[in-house]
């Protein structure tokens, strides 16, 4: 992410193809916050809820929306 991609006070949507452990989204949200913006929500195509990533993101105070969830993998 470029340092001038967001500005202080911006609200950001993080869109990812897959949430597994949540590490990528949480790292991205840390960078966004360091730049003075906030993460409004996370959207993803696929969620793997058994790996607890979406739970970790929600516990960080970020709403998560997924198109599909695959459990029991």
C-alpha atoms as a PDB file:
ATOM      1  CA  UNK A   1       0.000   0.000   0.000  1.00  0.00           C
ATOM      2  CA  UNK A   2       1.345   3.426  -0.887  1.00  0.00           C
ATOM      3  CA  UNK A   3       1.560   5.878   1.993  1.00  0.00           C
ATOM      4  CA  UNK A   4      -0.569   8.415   0.107  1.00  0.00           C
ATOM      5  CA  UNK A   5      -3.302   5.894  -0.771  1.00  0.00           C
ATOM      6  CA  UNK A   6      -5.443   7.056   2.151  1.00  0.00           C
ATOM      7  CA  UNK A   7      -5.586  10.272   4.122  1.00  0.00           C
ATOM      8  CA  UNK A   8      -6.308  11.026   7.733  1.00  0.00           C
ATOM      9  CA  UNK A   9     -10.031  10.736   8.395  1.00  0.00           C
ATOM     10  CA  UNK A  10     -10.758   8.488   5.404  1.00  0.00           C
ATOM     11  CA  UNK A  11     -13.033   5.476   5.852  1.00  0.00           C
ATOM     12  CA  UNK A  12     -11.713   2.405   4.064  1.00  0.00           C
ATOM     13  CA  UNK A  13     -13.301  -0.798   2.792  1.00  0.00           C
ATOM     14  CA  UNK A  14     -10.889  -3.716   2.742  1.00  0.00           C
ATOM     15  CA  UNK A  15     -11.851  -6.233   0.078  1.00  0.00           C
ATOM     16  CA  UNK A  16     -10.113  -9.605  -0.036  1.00  0.00           C
ATOM     17  CA  UNK A  17     -10.821 -12.779  -1.954  1.00  0.00           C
ATOM     18  CA  UNK A  18     -10.517 -15.113   1.039  1.00  0.00           C
ATOM     19  CA  UNK A  19     -10.479 -14.887   4.825  1.00  0.00           C
ATOM     20  CA  UNK A  20      -8.727 -17.836   6.440  1.00  0.00           C
ATOM     21  CA  UNK A  21      -6.759 -16.868   9.561  1.00  0.00           C
ATOM     22  CA  UNK A  22      -7.446 -13.137   9.157  1.00  0.00           C
ATOM     23  CA  UNK A  23      -3.769 -12.188   9.108  1.00  0.00           C
ATOM     24  CA  UNK A  24      -3.808 -10.316   5.804  1.00  0.00           C
ATOM     25  CA  UNK A  25      -6.858  -8.246   6.686  1.00  0.00           C
ATOM     26  CA  UNK A  26      -5.597  -7.450  10.177  1.00  0.00           C
ATOM     27  CA  UNK A  27      -2.203  -6.381   8.781  1.00  0.00           C
ATOM     28  CA  UNK A  28      -3.902  -4.167   6.196  1.00  0.00           C
ATOM     29  CA  UNK A  29      -6.134  -2.616   8.855  1.00  0.00           C
ATOM     30  CA  UNK A  30      -3.070  -1.840  10.985  1.00  0.00           C
ATOM     31  CA  UNK A  31      -1.476   0.036   8.073  1.00  0.00           C
ATOM     32  CA  UNK A  32      -4.714   1.918   7.374  1.00  0.00           C
ATOM     33  CA  UNK A  33      -4.947   2.994  11.023  1.00  0.00           C
ATOM     34  CA  UNK A  34      -1.280   4.044  11.107  1.00  0.00           C
ATOM     35  CA  UNK A  35      -2.037   6.375   8.184  1.00  0.00           C
ATOM     36  CA  UNK A  36      -4.841   7.996  10.189  1.00  0.00           C
ATOM     37  CA  UNK A  37      -7.777   6.410   8.409  1.00  0.00           C
ATOM     38  CA  UNK A  38     -10.287   3.896   9.748  1.00  0.00           C
ATOM     39  CA  UNK A  39     -11.581   0.598   8.416  1.00  0.00           C
ATOM     40  CA  UNK A  40     -15.343   0.786   7.943  1.00  0.00           C
ATOM     41  CA  UNK A  41     -15.776  -2.887   7.057  1.00  0.00           C
ATOM     42  CA  UNK A  42     -14.256  -5.918   5.388  1.00  0.00           C
ATOM     43  CA  UNK A  43     -15.810  -7.652   2.389  1.00  0.00           C
ATOM     44  CA  UNK A  44     -14.694 -11.013   1.080  1.00  0.00           C
ATOM     45  CA  UNK A  45     -15.761 -13.547  -1.493  1.00  0.00           C
ATOM     46  CA  UNK A  46     -15.005 -16.627   0.621  1.00  0.00           C
ATOM     47  CA  UNK A  47     -14.828 -17.081   4.383  1.00  0.00           C
ATOM     48  CA  UNK A  48     -13.378 -20.168   6.073  1.00  0.00           C
ATOM     49  CA  UNK A  49     -14.988 -19.721   9.520  1.00  0.00           C
ATOM     50  CA  UNK A  50     -13.385 -22.852  11.019  1.00  0.00           C
ATOM     51  CA  UNK A  51     -10.025 -21.053  10.892  1.00  0.00           C
ATOM     52  CA  UNK A  52     -11.410 -18.236  13.089  1.00  0.00           C
ATOM     53  CA  UNK A  53     -10.142 -15.366  10.905  1.00  0.00           C
ATOM     54  CA  UNK A  54     -13.477 -13.590  10.576  1.00  0.00           C
ATOM     55  CA  UNK A  55     -13.976 -13.888  14.345  1.00  0.00           C
ATOM     56  CA  UNK A  56     -10.597 -12.223  14.983  1.00  0.00           C
ATOM     57  CA  UNK A  57     -11.454  -9.393  12.602  1.00  0.00           C
ATOM     58  CA  UNK A  58     -14.842  -8.840  14.244  1.00  0.00           C
ATOM     59  CA  UNK A  59     -13.200  -8.880  17.680  1.00  0.00           C
ATOM     60  CA  UNK A  60     -10.996  -6.041  16.401  1.00  0.00           C
ATOM     61  CA  UNK A  61     -14.213  -4.056  15.892  1.00  0.00           C
ATOM     62  CA  UNK A  62     -14.456  -4.438  12.121  1.00  0.00           C
ATOM     63  CA  UNK A  63     -17.672  -5.777  10.549  1.00  0.00           C
ATOM     64  CA  UNK A  64     -17.145  -8.665   8.091  1.00  0.00           C
ATOM     65  CA  UNK A  65     -19.342  -9.491   5.092  1.00  0.00           C
ATOM     66  CA  UNK A  66     -18.799 -12.628   3.012  1.00  0.00           C
ATOM     67  CA  UNK A  67     -20.430 -13.869  -0.164  1.00  0.00           C
ATOM     68  CA  UNK A  68     -19.818 -17.564   0.708  1.00  0.00           C
ATOM     69  CA  UNK A  69     -18.667 -19.560   3.732  1.00  0.00           C
ATOM     70  CA  UNK A  70     -17.189 -23.023   3.662  1.00  0.00           C
ATOM     71  CA  UNK A  71     -17.250 -24.869   6.967  1.00  0.00           C
ATOM     72  CA  UNK A  72     -15.721 -28.202   7.870  1.00  0.00           C
ATOM     73  CA  UNK A  73     -12.676 -27.992   5.628  1.00  0.00           C
END
